[in-house]
Amino acid sequence: QVQLGESGGGLAQAGGTLRLSCAASGRFFRIDDMGWYRQAPGKQRELVASITRDGNTNYLDSVKGRFTISRDNAKNTLYLQMNSLKPEDTAAYYCNAHTITRVAGSTNYRYLEVWGQGTLVTVSS
């Protein structure tokens, strides 16, 4: 019912910038909280930043002041502006969304967590 299409990953130099986008498509009532996660090779997945539907944000300490999470509810799109990139930011980045979806054939709704496929960010020294 809901898919998250990610884009914007790629190669950047240390100190450079990248902007990730995550567009939701399909059928859903609305999207509530969203976030960006990342996972580097050999490391655990970690939450980079999150944002509520009304715009309240939280950040991983190591990206505060460098990354900005935002969303455009009219476009059902999530963004992550990444400035002052560091080699340690290298990872696969995953979009996450909590959606309200209608159960087919009924008036009931489900709260469903959806993940994007990931987009690779590589930062060189």
PDB file of N, CA and C in Angstrom:
ATOM      1  N   GLN A   1       0.812  -1.204   0.000  1.00  0.00           N
ATOM      2  CA  GLN A   1       0.000   0.000   0.000  1.00  0.00           C
ATOM      3  C   GLN A   1       0.851   1.262   0.000  1.00  0.00           C
ATOM      4  N   VAL A   2       2.013   1.208   0.643  1.00  0.00           N
ATOM      5  CA  VAL A   2       2.894   2.357   0.745  1.00  0.00           C
ATOM      6  C   VAL A   2       4.308   1.935   0.378  1.00  0.00           C
ATOM      7  N   GLN A   3       4.954   2.738  -0.443  1.00  0.00           N
ATOM      8  CA  GLN A   3       6.351   2.533  -0.791  1.00  0.00           C
ATOM      9  C   GLN A   3       7.113   3.817  -0.560  1.00  0.00           C
ATOM     10  N   LEU A   4       8.381   3.690  -0.170  1.00  0.00           N
ATOM     11  CA  LEU A   4       9.246   4.829   0.042  1.00  0.00           C
ATOM     12  C   LEU A   4      10.380   4.765  -0.976  1.00  0.00           C
ATOM     13  N   GLY A   5      10.428   5.745  -1.851  1.00  0.00           N
ATOM     14  CA  GLY A   5      11.463   5.817  -2.857  1.00  0.00           C
ATOM     15  C   GLY A   5      12.529   6.820  -2.468  1.00  0.00           C
ATOM     16  N   GLU A   6      13.763   6.344  -2.313  1.00  0.00           N
ATOM     17  CA  GLU A   6      14.858   7.183  -1.856  1.00  0.00           C
ATOM     18  C   GLU A   6      15.742   7.606  -3.017  1.00  0.00           C
ATOM     19  N   SER A   7      16.340   8.783  -2.874  1.00  0.00           N
ATOM     20  CA  SER A   7      17.269   9.282  -3.871  1.00  0.00           C
ATOM     21  C   SER A   7      18.210  10.281  -3.214  1.00  0.00           C
ATOM     22  N   GLY A   8      19.276  10.607  -3.918  1.00  0.00           N
ATOM     23  CA  GLY A   8      20.190  11.636  -3.463  1.00  0.00           C
ATOM     24  C   GLY A   8      21.516  11.149  -2.927  1.00  0.00           C
ATOM     25  N   GLY A   9      21.654   9.855  -2.720  1.00  0.00           N
ATOM     26  CA  GLY A   9      22.919   9.334  -2.248  1.00  0.00           C
ATOM     27  C   GLY A   9      23.984   9.401  -3.325  1.00  0.00           C
ATOM     28  N   GLY A  10      25.215   9.234  -2.909  1.00  0.00           N
ATOM     29  CA  GLY A  10      26.315   9.279  -3.851  1.00  0.00           C
ATOM     30  C   GLY A  10      27.626   9.523  -3.152  1.00  0.00           C
ATOM     31  N   LEU A  11      28.575  10.033  -3.918  1.00  0.00           N
ATOM     32  CA  LEU A  11      29.911  10.301  -3.407  1.00  0.00           C
ATOM     33  C   LEU A  11      30.077  11.781  -3.111  1.00  0.00           C
ATOM     34  N   ALA A  12      30.752  12.072  -2.025  1.00  0.00           N
ATOM     35  CA  ALA A  12      31.057  13.442  -1.658  1.00  0.00           C
ATOM     36  C   ALA A  12      32.413  13.491  -0.975  1.00  0.00           C
ATOM     37  N   GLN A  13      33.043  14.636  -1.048  1.00  0.00           N
ATOM     38  CA  GLN A  13      34.286  14.844  -0.319  1.00  0.00           C
ATOM     39  C   GLN A  13      33.988  15.304   1.099  1.00  0.00           C
ATOM     40  N   ALA A  14      34.927  15.077   1.977  1.00  0.00           N
ATOM     41  CA  ALA A  14      34.799  15.609   3.330  1.00  0.00           C
ATOM     42  C   ALA A  14      34.571  17.113   3.270  1.00  0.00           C
ATOM     43  N   GLY A  15      33.596  17.574   4.038  1.00  0.00           N
ATOM     44  CA  GLY A  15      33.224  18.974   4.008  1.00  0.00           C
ATOM     45  C   GLY A  15      32.168  19.307   2.978  1.00  0.00           C
ATOM     46  N   GLY A  16      31.818  18.348   2.142  1.00  0.00           N
ATOM     47  CA  GLY A  16      30.837  18.569   1.102  1.00  0.00           C
ATOM     48  C   GLY A  16      29.419  18.391   1.593  1.00  0.00           C
ATOM     49  N   THR A  17      28.483  18.407   0.640  1.00  0.00           N
ATOM     50  CA  THR A  17      27.068  18.321   0.967  1.00  0.00           C
ATOM     51  C   THR A  17      26.354  17.303   0.082  1.00  0.00           C
ATOM     52  N   LEU A  18      25.309  16.731   0.630  1.00  0.00           N
ATOM     53  CA  LEU A  18      24.382  15.891  -0.101  1.00  0.00           C
ATOM     54  C   LEU A  18      22.989  16.142   0.459  1.00  0.00           C
ATOM     55  N   ARG A  19      21.991  15.925  -0.370  1.00  0.00           N
ATOM     56  CA  ARG A  19      20.606  16.039   0.076  1.00  0.00           C
ATOM     57  C   ARG A  19      19.849  14.778  -0.308  1.00  0.00           C
ATOM     58  N   LEU A  20      19.351  14.076   0.674  1.00  0.00           N
ATOM     59  CA  LEU A  20      18.588  12.865   0.455  1.00  0.00           C
ATOM     60  C   LEU A  20      17.103  13.179   0.426  1.00  0.00           C
ATOM     61  N   SER A  21      16.385  12.470  -0.423  1.00  0.00           N
ATOM     62  CA  SER A  21      14.942  12.618  -0.516  1.00  0.00           C
ATOM     63  C   SER A  21      14.283  11.258  -0.370  1.00  0.00           C
ATOM     64  N   CYS A  22      13.096  11.257   0.186  1.00  0.00           N
ATOM     65  CA  CYS A  22      12.318  10.044   0.369  1.00  0.00           C
ATOM     66  C   CYS A  22      10.869  10.380   0.073  1.00  0.00           C
ATOM     67  N   ALA A  23      10.355   9.856  -1.021  1.00  0.00           N
ATOM     68  CA  ALA A  23       8.995  10.144  -1.454  1.00  0.00           C
ATOM     69  C   ALA A  23       8.091   8.945  -1.209  1.00  0.00           C
ATOM     70  N   ALA A  24       7.001   9.176  -0.523  1.00  0.00           N
ATOM     71  CA  ALA A  24       6.032   8.121  -0.251  1.00  0.00           C
ATOM     72  C   ALA A  24       4.990   8.065  -1.358  1.00  0.00           C
ATOM     73  N   SER A  25       4.668   6.874  -1.780  1.00  0.00           N
ATOM     74  CA  SER A  25       3.645   6.677  -2.795  1.00  0.00           C
ATOM     75  C   SER A  25       2.754   5.507  -2.400  1.00  0.00           C
ATOM     76  N   GLY A  26       1.624   5.407  -3.060  1.00  0.00           N
ATOM     77  CA  GLY A  26       0.675   4.363  -2.748  1.00  0.00           C
ATOM     78  C   GLY A  26      -0.515   4.912  -1.982  1.00  0.00           C
ATOM     79  N   ARG A  27      -1.240   4.011  -1.381  1.00  0.00           N
ATOM     80  CA  ARG A  27      -2.438   4.401  -0.655  1.00  0.00           C
ATOM     81  C   ARG A  27      -2.170   4.428   0.843  1.00  0.00           C
ATOM     82  N   PHE A  28      -2.492   5.537   1.447  1.00  0.00           N
ATOM     83  CA  PHE A  28      -2.387   5.681   2.887  1.00  0.00           C
ATOM     84  C   PHE A  28      -3.244   6.858   3.322  1.00  0.00           C
ATOM     85  N   PHE A  29      -3.664   6.798   4.565  1.00  0.00           N
ATOM     86  CA  PHE A  29      -4.449   7.881   5.110  1.00  0.00           C
ATOM     87  C   PHE A  29      -3.572   9.088   5.412  1.00  0.00           C
ATOM     88  N   ARG A  30      -2.460   8.829   6.075  1.00  0.00           N
ATOM     89  CA  ARG A  30      -1.504   9.883   6.358  1.00  0.00           C
ATOM     90  C   ARG A  30      -0.209   9.260   6.866  1.00  0.00           C
ATOM     91  N   ILE A  31       0.837  10.063   6.869  1.00  0.00           N
ATOM     92  CA  ILE A  31       2.125   9.666   7.420  1.00  0.00           C
ATOM     93  C   ILE A  31       2.378  10.459   8.689  1.00  0.00           C
ATOM     94  N   ASP A  32       2.705   9.746   9.743  1.00  0.00           N
ATOM     95  CA  ASP A  32       3.012  10.416  10.999  1.00  0.00           C
ATOM     96  C   ASP A  32       4.527  10.605  11.122  1.00  0.00           C
ATOM     97  N   ASP A  33       5.134  10.055  12.160  1.00  0.00           N
ATOM     98  CA  ASP A  33       6.561  10.264  12.355  1.00  0.00           C
ATOM     99  C   ASP A  33       7.391   9.648  11.231  1.00  0.00           C
ATOM    100  N   MET A  34       8.469  10.320  10.870  1.00  0.00           N
ATOM    101  CA  MET A  34       9.394   9.826   9.868  1.00  0.00           C
ATOM    102  C   MET A  34      10.821   9.976  10.387  1.00  0.00           C
ATOM    103  N   GLY A  35      11.735   9.242   9.783  1.00  0.00           N
ATOM    104  CA  GLY A  35      13.116   9.345  10.214  1.00  0.00           C
ATOM    105  C   GLY A  35      14.083   8.805   9.188  1.00  0.00           C
ATOM    106  N   TRP A  36      15.335   9.165   9.383  1.00  0.00           N
ATOM    107  CA  TRP A  36      16.437   8.632   8.598  1.00  0.00           C
ATOM    108  C   TRP A  36      17.325   7.791   9.508  1.00  0.00           C
ATOM    109  N   TYR A  37      17.587   6.582   9.090  1.00  0.00           N
ATOM    110  CA  TYR A  37      18.522   5.692   9.760  1.00  0.00           C
ATOM    111  C   TYR A  37      19.725   5.469   8.860  1.00  0.00           C
ATOM    112  N   ARG A  38      20.819   5.038   9.451  1.00  0.00           N
ATOM    113  CA  ARG A  38      21.971   4.675   8.648  1.00  0.00           C
ATOM    114  C   ARG A  38      22.666   3.467   9.247  1.00  0.00           C
ATOM    115  N   GLN A  39      23.339   2.744   8.380  1.00  0.00           N
ATOM    116  CA  GLN A  39      24.094   1.583   8.813  1.00  0.00           C
ATOM    117  C   GLN A  39      25.389   1.515   8.021  1.00  0.00           C
ATOM    118  N   ALA A  40      26.494   1.621   8.733  1.00  0.00           N
ATOM    119  CA  ALA A  40      27.809   1.502   8.131  1.00  0.00           C
ATOM    120  C   ALA A  40      28.235   0.042   8.153  1.00  0.00           C
ATOM    121  N   PRO A  41      29.142  -0.349   7.258  1.00  0.00           N
ATOM    122  CA  PRO A  41      29.594  -1.742   7.239  1.00  0.00           C
ATOM    123  C   PRO A  41      30.129  -2.187   8.590  1.00  0.00           C
ATOM    124  N   GLY A  42      29.646  -3.319   9.068  1.00  0.00           N
ATOM    125  CA  GLY A  42      30.101  -3.864  10.323  1.00  0.00           C
ATOM    126  C   GLY A  42      29.579  -3.167  11.567  1.00  0.00           C
ATOM    127  N   LYS A  43      28.662  -2.238  11.403  1.00  0.00           N
ATOM    128  CA  LYS A  43      28.128  -1.499  12.541  1.00  0.00           C
ATOM    129  C   LYS A  43      26.616  -1.653  12.631  1.00  0.00           C
ATOM    130  N   GLN A  44      26.078  -1.313  13.789  1.00  0.00           N
ATOM    131  CA  GLN A  44      24.645  -1.388  14.012  1.00  0.00           C
ATOM    132  C   GLN A  44      23.927  -0.218  13.345  1.00  0.00           C
ATOM    133  N   ARG A  45      22.696  -0.457  12.971  1.00  0.00           N
ATOM    134  CA  ARG A  45      21.868   0.601  12.426  1.00  0.00           C
ATOM    135  C   ARG A  45      21.557   1.619  13.515  1.00  0.00           C
ATOM    136  N   GLU A  46      21.595   2.889  13.174  1.00  0.00           N
ATOM    137  CA  GLU A  46      21.331   3.927  14.141  1.00  0.00           C
ATOM    138  C   GLU A  46      20.394   4.979  13.559  1.00  0.00           C
ATOM    139  N   LEU A  47      19.618   5.567  14.421  1.00  0.00           N
ATOM    140  CA  LEU A  47      18.715   6.644  14.020  1.00  0.00           C
ATOM    141  C   LEU A  47      19.501   7.934  13.895  1.00  0.00           C
ATOM    142  N   VAL A  48      19.470   8.526  12.721  1.00  0.00           N
ATOM    143  CA  VAL A  48      20.190   9.757  12.460  1.00  0.00           C
ATOM    144  C   VAL A  48      19.356  10.970  12.844  1.00  0.00           C
ATOM    145  N   ALA A  49      18.118  10.983  12.423  1.00  0.00           N
ATOM    146  CA  ALA A  49      17.232  12.108  12.694  1.00  0.00           C
ATOM    147  C   ALA A  49      15.794  11.664  12.531  1.00  0.00           C
ATOM    148  N   SER A  50      14.913  12.290  13.262  1.00  0.00           N
ATOM    149  CA  SER A  50      13.497  11.998  13.156  1.00  0.00           C
ATOM    150  C   SER A  50      12.710  13.296  13.151  1.00  0.00           C
ATOM    151  N   ILE A  51      11.497  13.207  12.645  1.00  0.00           N
ATOM    152  CA  ILE A  51      10.645  14.388  12.571  1.00  0.00           C
ATOM    153  C   ILE A  51       9.195  13.964  12.685  1.00  0.00           C
ATOM    154  N   THR A  52       8.445  14.685  13.487  1.00  0.00           N
ATOM    155  CA  THR A  52       7.021  14.430  13.605  1.00  0.00           C
ATOM    156  C   THR A  52       6.278  15.129  12.478  1.00  0.00           C
ATOM    157  N   ARG A  53       4.995  14.822  12.360  1.00  0.00           N
ATOM    158  CA  ARG A  53       4.225  15.412  11.283  1.00  0.00           C
ATOM    159  C   ARG A  53       4.155  16.930  11.409  1.00  0.00           C
ATOM    160  N   ASP A  54       4.140  17.433  12.637  1.00  0.00           N
ATOM    161  CA  ASP A  54       4.065  18.874  12.833  1.00  0.00           C
ATOM    162  C   ASP A  54       5.434  19.545  12.877  1.00  0.00           C
ATOM    163  N   GLY A  55       6.503  18.791  12.619  1.00  0.00           N
ATOM    164  CA  GLY A  55       7.805  19.400  12.426  1.00  0.00           C
ATOM    165  C   GLY A  55       8.779  19.361  13.582  1.00  0.00           C
ATOM    166  N   ASN A  56       8.457  18.710  14.681  1.00  0.00           N
ATOM    167  CA  ASN A  56       9.410  18.578  15.775  1.00  0.00           C
ATOM    168  C   ASN A  56      10.501  17.584  15.401  1.00  0.00           C
ATOM    169  N   THR A  57      11.750  17.933  15.674  1.00  0.00           N
ATOM    170  CA  THR A  57      12.883  17.137  15.217  1.00  0.00           C
ATOM    171  C   THR A  57      13.776  16.686  16.357  1.00  0.00           C
ATOM    172  N   ASN A  58      14.481  15.591  16.115  1.00  0.00           N
ATOM    173  CA  ASN A  58      15.519  15.091  17.001  1.00  0.00           C
ATOM    174  C   ASN A  58      16.674  14.581  16.154  1.00  0.00           C
ATOM    175  N   TYR A  59      17.895  14.718  16.677  1.00  0.00           N
ATOM    176  CA  TYR A  59      19.083  14.361  15.925  1.00  0.00           C
ATOM    177  C   TYR A  59      20.042  13.531  16.754  1.00  0.00           C
ATOM    178  N   LEU A  60      20.750  12.664  16.058  1.00  0.00           N
ATOM    179  CA  LEU A  60      21.896  11.997  16.640  1.00  0.00           C
ATOM    180  C   LEU A  60      22.937  13.055  17.003  1.00  0.00           C
ATOM    181  N   ASP A  61      23.551  12.928  18.164  1.00  0.00           N
ATOM    182  CA  ASP A  61      24.482  13.948  18.628  1.00  0.00           C
ATOM    183  C   ASP A  61      25.580  14.255  17.610  1.00  0.00           C
ATOM    184  N   SER A  62      26.079  13.243  16.940  1.00  0.00           N
ATOM    185  CA  SER A  62      27.202  13.425  16.036  1.00  0.00           C
ATOM    186  C   SER A  62      26.843  14.190  14.762  1.00  0.00           C
ATOM    187  N   VAL A  63      25.561  14.383  14.481  1.00  0.00           N
ATOM    188  CA  VAL A  63      25.171  15.110  13.279  1.00  0.00           C
ATOM    189  C   VAL A  63      24.515  16.446  13.587  1.00  0.00           C
ATOM    190  N   LYS A  64      24.334  16.772  14.846  1.00  0.00           N
ATOM    191  CA  LYS A  64      23.720  18.038  15.216  1.00  0.00           C
ATOM    192  C   LYS A  64      24.540  19.200  14.680  1.00  0.00           C
ATOM    193  N   GLY A  65      23.856  20.156  14.104  1.00  0.00           N
ATOM    194  CA  GLY A  65      24.521  21.308  13.528  1.00  0.00           C
ATOM    195  C   GLY A  65      25.001  21.102  12.116  1.00  0.00           C
ATOM    196  N   ARG A  66      24.997  19.865  11.633  1.00  0.00           N
ATOM    197  CA  ARG A  66      25.447  19.561  10.278  1.00  0.00           C
ATOM    198  C   ARG A  66      24.304  19.060   9.389  1.00  0.00           C
ATOM    199  N   PHE A  67      23.423  18.252   9.956  1.00  0.00           N
ATOM    200  CA  PHE A  67      22.312  17.677   9.201  1.00  0.00           C
ATOM    201  C   PHE A  67      21.013  18.370   9.579  1.00  0.00           C
ATOM    202  N   THR A  68      20.118  18.467   8.620  1.00  0.00           N
ATOM    203  CA  THR A  68      18.797  19.018   8.859  1.00  0.00           C
ATOM    204  C   THR A  68      17.746  18.113   8.232  1.00  0.00           C
ATOM    205  N   ILE A  69      16.836  17.627   9.049  1.00  0.00           N
ATOM    206  CA  ILE A  69      15.732  16.823   8.546  1.00  0.00           C
ATOM    207  C   ILE A  69      14.522  17.723   8.352  1.00  0.00           C
ATOM    208  N   SER A  70      13.799  17.501   7.283  1.00  0.00           N
ATOM    209  CA  SER A  70      12.608  18.280   7.007  1.00  0.00           C
ATOM    210  C   SER A  70      11.626  17.430   6.224  1.00  0.00           C
ATOM    211  N   ARG A  71      10.415  17.926   6.088  1.00  0.00           N
ATOM    212  CA  ARG A  71       9.405  17.191   5.335  1.00  0.00           C
ATOM    213  C   ARG A  71       8.449  18.167   4.666  1.00  0.00           C
ATOM    214  N   ASP A  72       7.901  17.723   3.568  1.00  0.00           N
ATOM    215  CA  ASP A  72       6.885  18.465   2.846  1.00  0.00           C
ATOM    216  C   ASP A  72       5.652  17.575   2.834  1.00  0.00           C
ATOM    217  N   ASN A  73       4.724  17.857   3.712  1.00  0.00           N
ATOM    218  CA  ASN A  73       3.554  17.000   3.844  1.00  0.00           C
ATOM    219  C   ASN A  73       2.678  17.012   2.594  1.00  0.00           C
ATOM    220  N   ALA A  74       2.641  18.135   1.900  1.00  0.00           N
ATOM    221  CA  ALA A  74       1.853  18.211   0.677  1.00  0.00           C
ATOM    222  C   ALA A  74       2.401  17.281  -0.396  1.00  0.00           C
ATOM    223  N   LYS A  75       3.717  17.072  -0.403  1.00  0.00           N
ATOM    224  CA  LYS A  75       4.359  16.189  -1.372  1.00  0.00           C
ATOM    225  C   LYS A  75       4.646  14.803  -0.798  1.00  0.00           C
ATOM    226  N   ASN A  76       4.323  14.600   0.467  1.00  0.00           N
ATOM    227  CA  ASN A  76       4.609  13.332   1.143  1.00  0.00           C
ATOM    228  C   ASN A  76       6.075  12.938   0.986  1.00  0.00           C
ATOM    229  N   THR A  77       6.931  13.902   1.211  1.00  0.00           N
ATOM    230  CA  THR A  77       8.356  13.707   0.983  1.00  0.00           C
ATOM    231  C   THR A  77       9.164  14.116   2.204  1.00  0.00           C
ATOM    232  N   LEU A  78      10.161  13.325   2.505  1.00  0.00           N
ATOM    233  CA  LEU A  78      11.096  13.563   3.594  1.00  0.00           C
ATOM    234  C   LEU A  78      12.457  13.907   3.014  1.00  0.00           C
ATOM    235  N   TYR A  79      13.174  14.807   3.676  1.00  0.00           N
ATOM    236  CA  TYR A  79      14.483  15.230   3.210  1.00  0.00           C
ATOM    237  C   TYR A  79      15.506  15.132   4.338  1.00  0.00           C
ATOM    238  N   LEU A  80      16.746  14.958   3.947  1.00  0.00           N
ATOM    239  CA  LEU A  80      17.855  15.075   4.870  1.00  0.00           C
ATOM    240  C   LEU A  80      18.951  15.879   4.182  1.00  0.00           C
ATOM    241  N   GLN A  81      19.127  17.109   4.626  1.00  0.00           N
ATOM    242  CA  GLN A  81      20.199  17.952   4.129  1.00  0.00           C
ATOM    243  C   GLN A  81      21.440  17.670   4.956  1.00  0.00           C
ATOM    244  N   MET A  82      22.495  17.233   4.302  1.00  0.00           N
ATOM    245  CA  MET A  82      23.718  16.849   4.985  1.00  0.00           C
ATOM    246  C   MET A  82      24.838  17.791   4.567  1.00  0.00           C
ATOM    247  N   ASN A  83      25.273  18.616   5.492  1.00  0.00           N
ATOM    248  CA  ASN A  83      26.362  19.551   5.260  1.00  0.00           C
ATOM    249  C   ASN A  83      27.580  19.131   6.064  1.00  0.00           C
ATOM    250  N   SER A  84      28.720  19.678   5.683  1.00  0.00           N
ATOM    251  CA  SER A  84      29.975  19.404   6.394  1.00  0.00           C
ATOM    252  C   SER A  84      30.186  17.908   6.599  1.00  0.00           C
ATOM    253  N   LEU A  85      30.032  17.160   5.541  1.00  0.00           N
ATOM    254  CA  LEU A  85      30.116  15.707   5.628  1.00  0.00           C
ATOM    255  C   LEU A  85      31.489  15.253   6.091  1.00  0.00           C
ATOM    256  N   LYS A  86      31.481  14.176   6.845  1.00  0.00           N
ATOM    257  CA  LYS A  86      32.692  13.564   7.361  1.00  0.00           C
ATOM    258  C   LYS A  86      32.781  12.127   6.877  1.00  0.00           C
ATOM    259  N   PRO A  87      33.984  11.579   6.778  1.00  0.00           N
ATOM    260  CA  PRO A  87      34.109  10.177   6.362  1.00  0.00           C
ATOM    261  C   PRO A  87      33.286   9.222   7.216  1.00  0.00           C
ATOM    262  N   GLU A  88      33.127   9.509   8.492  1.00  0.00           N
ATOM    263  CA  GLU A  88      32.343   8.644   9.359  1.00  0.00           C
ATOM    264  C   GLU A  88      30.846   8.688   9.073  1.00  0.00           C
ATOM    265  N   ASP A  89      30.406   9.596   8.190  1.00  0.00           N
ATOM    266  CA  ASP A  89      29.021   9.609   7.755  1.00  0.00           C
ATOM    267  C   ASP A  89      28.754   8.567   6.678  1.00  0.00           C
ATOM    268  N   THR A  90      29.796   7.941   6.171  1.00  0.00           N
ATOM    269  CA  THR A  90      29.644   6.924   5.136  1.00  0.00           C
ATOM    270  C   THR A  90      28.783   5.779   5.648  1.00  0.00           C
ATOM    271  N   ALA A  91      27.708   5.489   4.931  1.00  0.00           N
ATOM    272  CA  ALA A  91      26.769   4.455   5.347  1.00  0.00           C
ATOM    273  C   ALA A  91      25.668   4.329   4.308  1.00  0.00           C
ATOM    274  N   ALA A  92      24.879   3.278   4.452  1.00  0.00           N
ATOM    275  CA  ALA A  92      23.617   3.194   3.736  1.00  0.00           C
ATOM    276  C   ALA A  92      22.560   3.902   4.572  1.00  0.00           C
ATOM    277  N   TYR A  93      21.841   4.804   3.953  1.00  0.00           N
ATOM    278  CA  TYR A  93      20.829   5.583   4.650  1.00  0.00           C
ATOM    279  C   TYR A  93      19.445   5.088   4.270  1.00  0.00           C
ATOM    280  N   TYR A  94      18.612   4.882   5.281  1.00  0.00           N
ATOM    281  CA  TYR A  94      17.286   4.316   5.089  1.00  0.00           C
ATOM    282  C   TYR A  94      16.211   5.271   5.593  1.00  0.00           C
ATOM    283  N   CYS A  95      15.235   5.496   4.767  1.00  0.00           N
ATOM    284  CA  CYS A  95      14.071   6.276   5.145  1.00  0.00           C
ATOM    285  C   CYS A  95      13.078   5.387   5.882  1.00  0.00           C
ATOM    286  N   ASN A  96      12.476   5.920   6.915  1.00  0.00           N
ATOM    287  CA  ASN A  96      11.490   5.189   7.696  1.00  0.00           C
ATOM    288  C   ASN A  96      10.268   6.070   7.908  1.00  0.00           C
ATOM    289  N   ALA A  97       9.090   5.468   7.826  1.00  0.00           N
ATOM    290  CA  ALA A  97       7.862   6.220   8.021  1.00  0.00           C
ATOM    291  C   ALA A  97       6.847   5.388   8.765  1.00  0.00           C
ATOM    292  N   HIS A  98       6.094   6.043   9.606  1.00  0.00           N
ATOM    293  CA  HIS A  98       4.957   5.425  10.282  1.00  0.00           C
ATOM    294  C   HIS A  98       3.693   5.937   9.608  1.00  0.00           C
ATOM    295  N   THR A  99       2.951   5.006   9.038  1.00  0.00           N
ATOM    296  CA  THR A  99       1.795   5.378   8.233  1.00  0.00           C
ATOM    297  C   THR A  99       0.506   4.838   8.826  1.00  0.00           C
ATOM    298  N   ILE A 100      -0.559   5.545   8.538  1.00  0.00           N
ATOM    299  CA  ILE A 100      -1.908   5.088   8.849  1.00  0.00           C
ATOM    300  C   ILE A 100      -2.526   4.648   7.530  1.00  0.00           C
ATOM    301  N   THR A 101      -2.870   3.370   7.437  1.00  0.00           N
ATOM    302  CA  THR A 101      -3.436   2.829   6.214  1.00  0.00           C
ATOM    303  C   THR A 101      -4.772   2.168   6.496  1.00  0.00           C
ATOM    304  N   ARG A 102      -5.656   2.225   5.521  1.00  0.00           N
ATOM    305  CA  ARG A 102      -6.961   1.605   5.655  1.00  0.00           C
ATOM    306  C   ARG A 102      -6.882   0.125   5.300  1.00  0.00           C
ATOM    307  N   VAL A 103      -7.531  -0.691   6.103  1.00  0.00           N
ATOM    308  CA  VAL A 103      -7.613  -2.117   5.818  1.00  0.00           C
ATOM    309  C   VAL A 103      -8.597  -2.319   4.673  1.00  0.00           C
ATOM    310  N   ALA A 104      -8.181  -3.053   3.657  1.00  0.00           N
ATOM    311  CA  ALA A 104      -9.020  -3.271   2.483  1.00  0.00           C
ATOM    312  C   ALA A 104     -10.347  -3.901   2.864  1.00  0.00           C
ATOM    313  N   GLY A 105     -11.423  -3.329   2.341  1.00  0.00           N
ATOM    314  CA  GLY A 105     -12.742  -3.888   2.561  1.00  0.00           C
ATOM    315  C   GLY A 105     -13.379  -3.581   3.904  1.00  0.00           C
ATOM    316  N   SER A 106     -12.782  -2.675   4.650  1.00  0.00           N
ATOM    317  CA  SER A 106     -13.340  -2.323   5.947  1.00  0.00           C
ATOM    318  C   SER A 106     -13.091  -0.857   6.234  1.00  0.00           C
ATOM    319  N   THR A 107     -13.662  -0.403   7.340  1.00  0.00           N
ATOM    320  CA  THR A 107     -13.440   0.968   7.781  1.00  0.00           C
ATOM    321  C   THR A 107     -12.344   1.050   8.830  1.00  0.00           C
ATOM    322  N   ASN A 108     -11.658  -0.045   9.085  1.00  0.00           N
ATOM    323  CA  ASN A 108     -10.590  -0.069  10.068  1.00  0.00           C
ATOM    324  C   ASN A 108      -9.293   0.462   9.482  1.00  0.00           C
ATOM    325  N   TYR A 109      -8.398   0.896  10.363  1.00  0.00           N
ATOM    326  CA  TYR A 109      -7.102   1.420   9.969  1.00  0.00           C
ATOM    327  C   TYR A 109      -6.003   0.673  10.699  1.00  0.00           C
ATOM    328  N   ARG A 110      -4.848   0.632  10.058  1.00  0.00           N
ATOM    329  CA  ARG A 110      -3.666   0.023  10.639  1.00  0.00           C
ATOM    330  C   ARG A 110      -2.542   1.034  10.726  1.00  0.00           C
ATOM    331  N   TYR A 111      -1.739   0.898  11.762  1.00  0.00           N
ATOM    332  CA  TYR A 111      -0.547   1.711  11.920  1.00  0.00           C
ATOM    333  C   TYR A 111       0.627   0.876  11.438  1.00  0.00           C
ATOM    334  N   LEU A 112       1.237   1.291  10.331  1.00  0.00           N
ATOM    335  CA  LEU A 112       2.222   0.467   9.646  1.00  0.00           C
ATOM    336  C   LEU A 112       3.548   1.195   9.506  1.00  0.00           C
ATOM    337  N   GLU A 113       4.615   0.520   9.870  1.00  0.00           N
ATOM    338  CA  GLU A 113       5.958   1.050   9.687  1.00  0.00           C
ATOM    339  C   GLU A 113       6.490   0.609   8.328  1.00  0.00           C
ATOM    340  N   VAL A 114       7.030   1.548   7.566  1.00  0.00           N
ATOM    341  CA  VAL A 114       7.510   1.291   6.221  1.00  0.00           C
ATOM    342  C   VAL A 114       8.959   1.744   6.096  1.00  0.00           C
ATOM    343  N   TRP A 115       9.747   0.966   5.367  1.00  0.00           N
ATOM    344  CA  TRP A 115      11.163   1.269   5.149  1.00  0.00           C
ATOM    345  C   TRP A 115      11.466   1.457   3.672  1.00  0.00           C
ATOM    346  N   GLY A 116      12.372   2.376   3.386  1.00  0.00           N
ATOM    347  CA  GLY A 116      12.907   2.490   2.045  1.00  0.00           C
ATOM    348  C   GLY A 116      13.983   1.449   1.809  1.00  0.00           C
ATOM    349  N   GLN A 117      14.442   1.355   0.565  1.00  0.00           N
ATOM    350  CA  GLN A 117      15.436   0.351   0.203  1.00  0.00           C
ATOM    351  C   GLN A 117      16.860   0.760   0.562  1.00  0.00           C
ATOM    352  N   GLY A 118      17.068   2.013   0.860  1.00  0.00           N
ATOM    353  CA  GLY A 118      18.380   2.491   1.227  1.00  0.00           C
ATOM    354  C   GLY A 118      19.084   3.192   0.077  1.00  0.00           C
ATOM    355  N   THR A 119      19.866   4.189   0.414  1.00  0.00           N
ATOM    356  CA  THR A 119      20.694   4.880  -0.562  1.00  0.00           C
ATOM    357  C   THR A 119      22.083   5.064   0.050  1.00  0.00           C
ATOM    358  N   LEU A 120      23.106   4.749  -0.735  1.00  0.00           N
ATOM    359  CA  LEU A 120      24.462   4.730  -0.219  1.00  0.00           C
ATOM    360  C   LEU A 120      25.090   6.115  -0.265  1.00  0.00           C
ATOM    361  N   VAL A 121      25.672   6.504   0.852  1.00  0.00           N
ATOM    362  CA  VAL A 121      26.423   7.747   0.961  1.00  0.00           C
ATOM    363  C   VAL A 121      27.867   7.399   1.259  1.00  0.00           C
ATOM    364  N   THR A 122      28.772   7.884   0.429  1.00  0.00           N
ATOM    365  CA  THR A 122      30.191   7.653   0.621  1.00  0.00           C
ATOM    366  C   THR A 122      30.913   8.989   0.695  1.00  0.00           C
ATOM    367  N   VAL A 123      31.649   9.192   1.762  1.00  0.00           N
ATOM    368  CA  VAL A 123      32.374  10.440   1.975  1.00  0.00           C
ATOM    369  C   VAL A 123      33.860  10.129   2.023  1.00  0.00           C
ATOM    370  N   SER A 124      34.608  10.731   1.135  1.00  0.00           N
ATOM    371  CA  SER A 124      36.040  10.509   1.062  1.00  0.00           C
ATOM    372  C   SER A 124      36.794  11.621   1.768  1.00  0.00           C
ATOM    373  N   SER A 125      38.002  11.298   2.223  1.00  0.00           N
ATOM    374  CA  SER A 125      38.834  12.277   2.912  1.00  0.00           C
ATOM    375  C   SER A 125      39.452  13.248   1.920  1.00  0.00           C
TER     376      SER A 125
END
